[in-house]
Amino acid sequence: MHKTLAHEWRELCLEAVTETDSERRIAIVAELGRILRNDVHEFGSLLVDVGHARVRRDGKPVYLTNLEFRLLRHFIERAGSPVSRDELLRSVWGYDSGAFTRTVDMHIYTAFVRNWSRMPRGPN
């Protein structure tokens, strides 16, 4: 999430937590959804439109499975922070914690080789 959107997101989340009026909380949640739908990230020639679940490289569509897109979105949302296998299993795959599997390793490797191996190294 871009710094401006991240700041706006953070402020709205804080407002939602302290808001006592239920109608206002619903309006805040709708506004948070608007921010997410407009969330577009550029990494060199790669464009990721989170809100519309679209990825383009050099202006051409990159076709990802639903799971691959959720994984990419998870990494974008946590850019600059380490992400554990357990977190990925819970957040992306929906597994309960404590599951032991190498699914994450194999899926990331396969997705990287198939789609992301030509991806630029950092955000613009």
C-alpha atoms as a PDB file:
ATOM      1  CA  MET A   1       0.000   0.000   0.000  1.00  0.00           C
ATOM      2  CA  HIS A   2       1.445   3.409  -0.913  1.00  0.00           C
ATOM      3  CA  LYS A   3       2.490   5.589   2.045  1.00  0.00           C
ATOM      4  CA  THR A   4      -0.395   8.044   1.566  1.00  0.00           C
ATOM      5  CA  LEU A   5      -2.957   5.246   1.385  1.00  0.00           C
ATOM      6  CA  ALA A   6      -1.333   3.450   4.323  1.00  0.00           C
ATOM      7  CA  HIS A   7      -1.597   6.614   6.414  1.00  0.00           C
ATOM      8  CA  GLU A   8      -5.239   7.128   5.406  1.00  0.00           C
ATOM      9  CA  TRP A   9      -5.948   3.453   6.110  1.00  0.00           C
ATOM     10  CA  ARG A  10      -4.341   3.659   9.556  1.00  0.00           C
ATOM     11  CA  GLU A  11      -6.280   6.797  10.478  1.00  0.00           C
ATOM     12  CA  LEU A  12      -9.597   5.264   9.416  1.00  0.00           C
ATOM     13  CA  CYS A  13      -8.877   2.059  11.341  1.00  0.00           C
ATOM     14  CA  LEU A  14      -8.180   4.071  14.486  1.00  0.00           C
ATOM     15  CA  GLU A  15     -11.355   6.057  13.909  1.00  0.00           C
ATOM     16  CA  ALA A  16     -13.385   2.852  13.448  1.00  0.00           C
ATOM     17  CA  VAL A  17     -12.081   1.384  16.704  1.00  0.00           C
ATOM     18  CA  THR A  18     -13.083   4.446  18.721  1.00  0.00           C
ATOM     19  CA  GLU A  19     -16.361   5.190  16.906  1.00  0.00           C
ATOM     20  CA  THR A  20     -19.463   4.430  18.992  1.00  0.00           C
ATOM     21  CA  ASP A  21     -22.087   5.103  16.307  1.00  0.00           C
ATOM     22  CA  SER A  22     -22.728   1.884  14.337  1.00  0.00           C
ATOM     23  CA  GLU A  23     -23.800   3.730  11.172  1.00  0.00           C
ATOM     24  CA  ARG A  24     -20.574   5.722  11.193  1.00  0.00           C
ATOM     25  CA  ARG A  25     -18.541   2.498  11.650  1.00  0.00           C
ATOM     26  CA  ILE A  26     -20.300   1.033   8.587  1.00  0.00           C
ATOM     27  CA  ALA A  27     -19.405   4.162   6.608  1.00  0.00           C
ATOM     28  CA  ILE A  28     -15.772   3.839   7.723  1.00  0.00           C
ATOM     29  CA  VAL A  29     -15.665   0.205   6.619  1.00  0.00           C
ATOM     30  CA  ALA A  30     -17.064   1.234   3.211  1.00  0.00           C
ATOM     31  CA  GLU A  31     -14.331   3.874   2.953  1.00  0.00           C
ATOM     32  CA  LEU A  32     -11.676   1.285   3.839  1.00  0.00           C
ATOM     33  CA  GLY A  33     -13.037  -0.883   1.022  1.00  0.00           C
ATOM     34  CA  ARG A  34     -12.709   2.059  -1.362  1.00  0.00           C
ATOM     35  CA  ILE A  35      -9.050   2.421  -0.438  1.00  0.00           C
ATOM     36  CA  LEU A  36      -8.411  -1.264  -1.100  1.00  0.00           C
ATOM     37  CA  ARG A  37     -10.199  -1.217  -4.451  1.00  0.00           C
ATOM     38  CA  ASN A  38      -7.992   1.662  -5.603  1.00  0.00           C
ATOM     39  CA  ASP A  39      -4.788  -0.001  -4.475  1.00  0.00           C
ATOM     40  CA  VAL A  40      -2.366  -0.154  -7.437  1.00  0.00           C
ATOM     41  CA  HIS A  41       1.334  -0.999  -7.100  1.00  0.00           C
ATOM     42  CA  GLU A  42       4.121  -0.630  -9.653  1.00  0.00           C
ATOM     43  CA  PHE A  43       7.366  -2.606  -9.577  1.00  0.00           C
ATOM     44  CA  GLY A  44       9.342  -1.632 -12.667  1.00  0.00           C
ATOM     45  CA  SER A  45       7.381  -3.002 -15.621  1.00  0.00           C
ATOM     46  CA  LEU A  46       5.023  -4.935 -13.328  1.00  0.00           C
ATOM     47  CA  LEU A  47       1.678  -3.346 -12.393  1.00  0.00           C
ATOM     48  CA  VAL A  48      -0.457  -4.984  -9.683  1.00  0.00           C
ATOM     49  CA  ASP A  49      -4.035  -3.730  -9.321  1.00  0.00           C
ATOM     50  CA  VAL A  50      -5.160  -5.275  -6.028  1.00  0.00           C
ATOM     51  CA  GLY A  51      -8.703  -3.905  -6.218  1.00  0.00           C
ATOM     52  CA  HIS A  52      -9.399  -5.475  -9.603  1.00  0.00           C
ATOM     53  CA  ALA A  53      -7.148  -8.530  -9.089  1.00  0.00           C
ATOM     54  CA  ARG A  54      -5.130  -7.759 -12.229  1.00  0.00           C
ATOM     55  CA  VAL A  55      -1.432  -8.038 -12.930  1.00  0.00           C
ATOM     56  CA  ARG A  56       0.314  -6.659 -16.018  1.00  0.00           C
ATOM     57  CA  ARG A  57       3.943  -6.874 -17.120  1.00  0.00           C
ATOM     58  CA  ASP A  58       5.083  -4.560 -19.906  1.00  0.00           C
ATOM     59  CA  GLY A  59       1.400  -3.725 -20.471  1.00  0.00           C
ATOM     60  CA  LYS A  60       0.458  -7.377 -21.090  1.00  0.00           C
ATOM     61  CA  PRO A  61      -1.744  -9.381 -18.712  1.00  0.00           C
ATOM     62  CA  VAL A  62      -0.077 -11.845 -16.371  1.00  0.00           C
ATOM     63  CA  TYR A  63      -2.454 -14.689 -15.616  1.00  0.00           C
ATOM     64  CA  LEU A  64      -2.277 -15.866 -12.014  1.00  0.00           C
ATOM     65  CA  THR A  65      -4.381 -18.407 -10.216  1.00  0.00           C
ATOM     66  CA  ASN A  66      -6.532 -17.092  -7.366  1.00  0.00           C
ATOM     67  CA  LEU A  67      -4.080 -18.553  -4.866  1.00  0.00           C
ATOM     68  CA  GLU A  68      -1.070 -17.008  -6.634  1.00  0.00           C
ATOM     69  CA  PHE A  69      -2.769 -13.605  -6.587  1.00  0.00           C
ATOM     70  CA  ARG A  70      -3.620 -13.903  -2.869  1.00  0.00           C
ATOM     71  CA  LEU A  71      -0.002 -14.809  -2.188  1.00  0.00           C
ATOM     72  CA  LEU A  72       1.280 -11.842  -4.214  1.00  0.00           C
ATOM     73  CA  ARG A  73      -1.165  -9.509  -2.447  1.00  0.00           C
ATOM     74  CA  HIS A  74      -0.053 -10.835   0.944  1.00  0.00           C
ATOM     75  CA  PHE A  75       3.595 -10.102   0.102  1.00  0.00           C
ATOM     76  CA  ILE A  76       2.725  -6.604  -1.158  1.00  0.00           C
ATOM     77  CA  GLU A  77       0.731  -5.830   1.994  1.00  0.00           C
ATOM     78  CA  ARG A  78       3.687  -6.856   4.141  1.00  0.00           C
ATOM     79  CA  ALA A  79       6.471  -5.423   1.984  1.00  0.00           C
ATOM     80  CA  GLY A  80       9.642  -4.955   3.984  1.00  0.00           C
ATOM     81  CA  SER A  81       8.530  -7.327   6.763  1.00  0.00           C
ATOM     82  CA  PRO A  82       9.477 -10.964   7.179  1.00  0.00           C
ATOM     83  CA  VAL A  83       6.608 -13.387   6.583  1.00  0.00           C
ATOM     84  CA  SER A  84       6.644 -16.806   8.248  1.00  0.00           C
ATOM     85  CA  ARG A  85       5.436 -20.028   6.698  1.00  0.00           C
ATOM     86  CA  ASP A  86       2.811 -20.304   9.465  1.00  0.00           C
ATOM     87  CA  GLU A  87       1.491 -16.818   8.632  1.00  0.00           C
ATOM     88  CA  LEU A  88       1.192 -17.750   4.959  1.00  0.00           C
ATOM     89  CA  LEU A  89      -0.561 -21.011   5.785  1.00  0.00           C
ATOM     90  CA  ARG A  90      -3.094 -19.170   7.963  1.00  0.00           C
ATOM     91  CA  SER A  91      -3.603 -16.017   5.867  1.00  0.00           C
ATOM     92  CA  VAL A  92      -3.313 -17.288   2.293  1.00  0.00           C
ATOM     93  CA  TRP A  93      -4.141 -20.999   2.482  1.00  0.00           C
ATOM     94  CA  GLY A  94      -6.549 -20.788   5.437  1.00  0.00           C
ATOM     95  CA  TYR A  95      -4.861 -23.607   7.390  1.00  0.00           C
ATOM     96  CA  ASP A  96      -4.963 -23.760  11.172  1.00  0.00           C
ATOM     97  CA  SER A  97      -1.723 -22.911  12.923  1.00  0.00           C
ATOM     98  CA  GLY A  98       0.564 -25.797  13.631  1.00  0.00           C
ATOM     99  CA  ALA A  99      -0.003 -27.432  10.250  1.00  0.00           C
ATOM    100  CA  PHE A 100       3.211 -28.941   8.941  1.00  0.00           C
ATOM    101  CA  THR A 101       3.482 -28.784   5.208  1.00  0.00           C
ATOM    102  CA  ARG A 102       5.946 -27.841   2.495  1.00  0.00           C
ATOM    103  CA  THR A 103       3.069 -26.585   0.329  1.00  0.00           C
ATOM    104  CA  VAL A 104       4.192 -23.000   0.845  1.00  0.00           C
ATOM    105  CA  ASP A 105       7.741 -23.718  -0.289  1.00  0.00           C
ATOM    106  CA  MET A 106       6.689 -25.610  -3.412  1.00  0.00           C
ATOM    107  CA  HIS A 107       3.962 -23.157  -4.375  1.00  0.00           C
ATOM    108  CA  ILE A 108       6.215 -20.114  -4.034  1.00  0.00           C
ATOM    109  CA  TYR A 109       8.970 -21.842  -5.989  1.00  0.00           C
ATOM    110  CA  THR A 110       6.576 -22.864  -8.775  1.00  0.00           C
ATOM    111  CA  ALA A 111       4.933 -19.425  -8.953  1.00  0.00           C
ATOM    112  CA  PHE A 112       8.324 -17.712  -8.935  1.00  0.00           C
ATOM    113  CA  VAL A 113       9.696 -19.837 -11.758  1.00  0.00           C
ATOM    114  CA  ARG A 114       6.504 -19.554 -13.824  1.00  0.00           C
ATOM    115  CA  ASN A 115       5.592 -15.892 -13.265  1.00  0.00           C
ATOM    116  CA  TRP A 116       7.890 -13.801 -11.165  1.00  0.00           C
ATOM    117  CA  SER A 117      11.405 -14.724 -12.255  1.00  0.00           C
ATOM    118  CA  ARG A 118      11.563 -11.619 -14.472  1.00  0.00           C
ATOM    119  CA  MET A 119       9.989  -9.341 -11.839  1.00  0.00           C
ATOM    120  CA  PRO A 120      12.038  -6.232 -10.970  1.00  0.00           C
ATOM    121  CA  ARG A 121      13.661  -6.096  -7.555  1.00  0.00           C
ATOM    122  CA  GLY A 122      11.912  -3.143  -5.892  1.00  0.00           C
ATOM    123  CA  PRO A 123       9.043  -0.653  -6.023  1.00  0.00           C
ATOM    124  CA  ASN A 124       9.206   2.530  -8.059  1.00  0.00           C
END
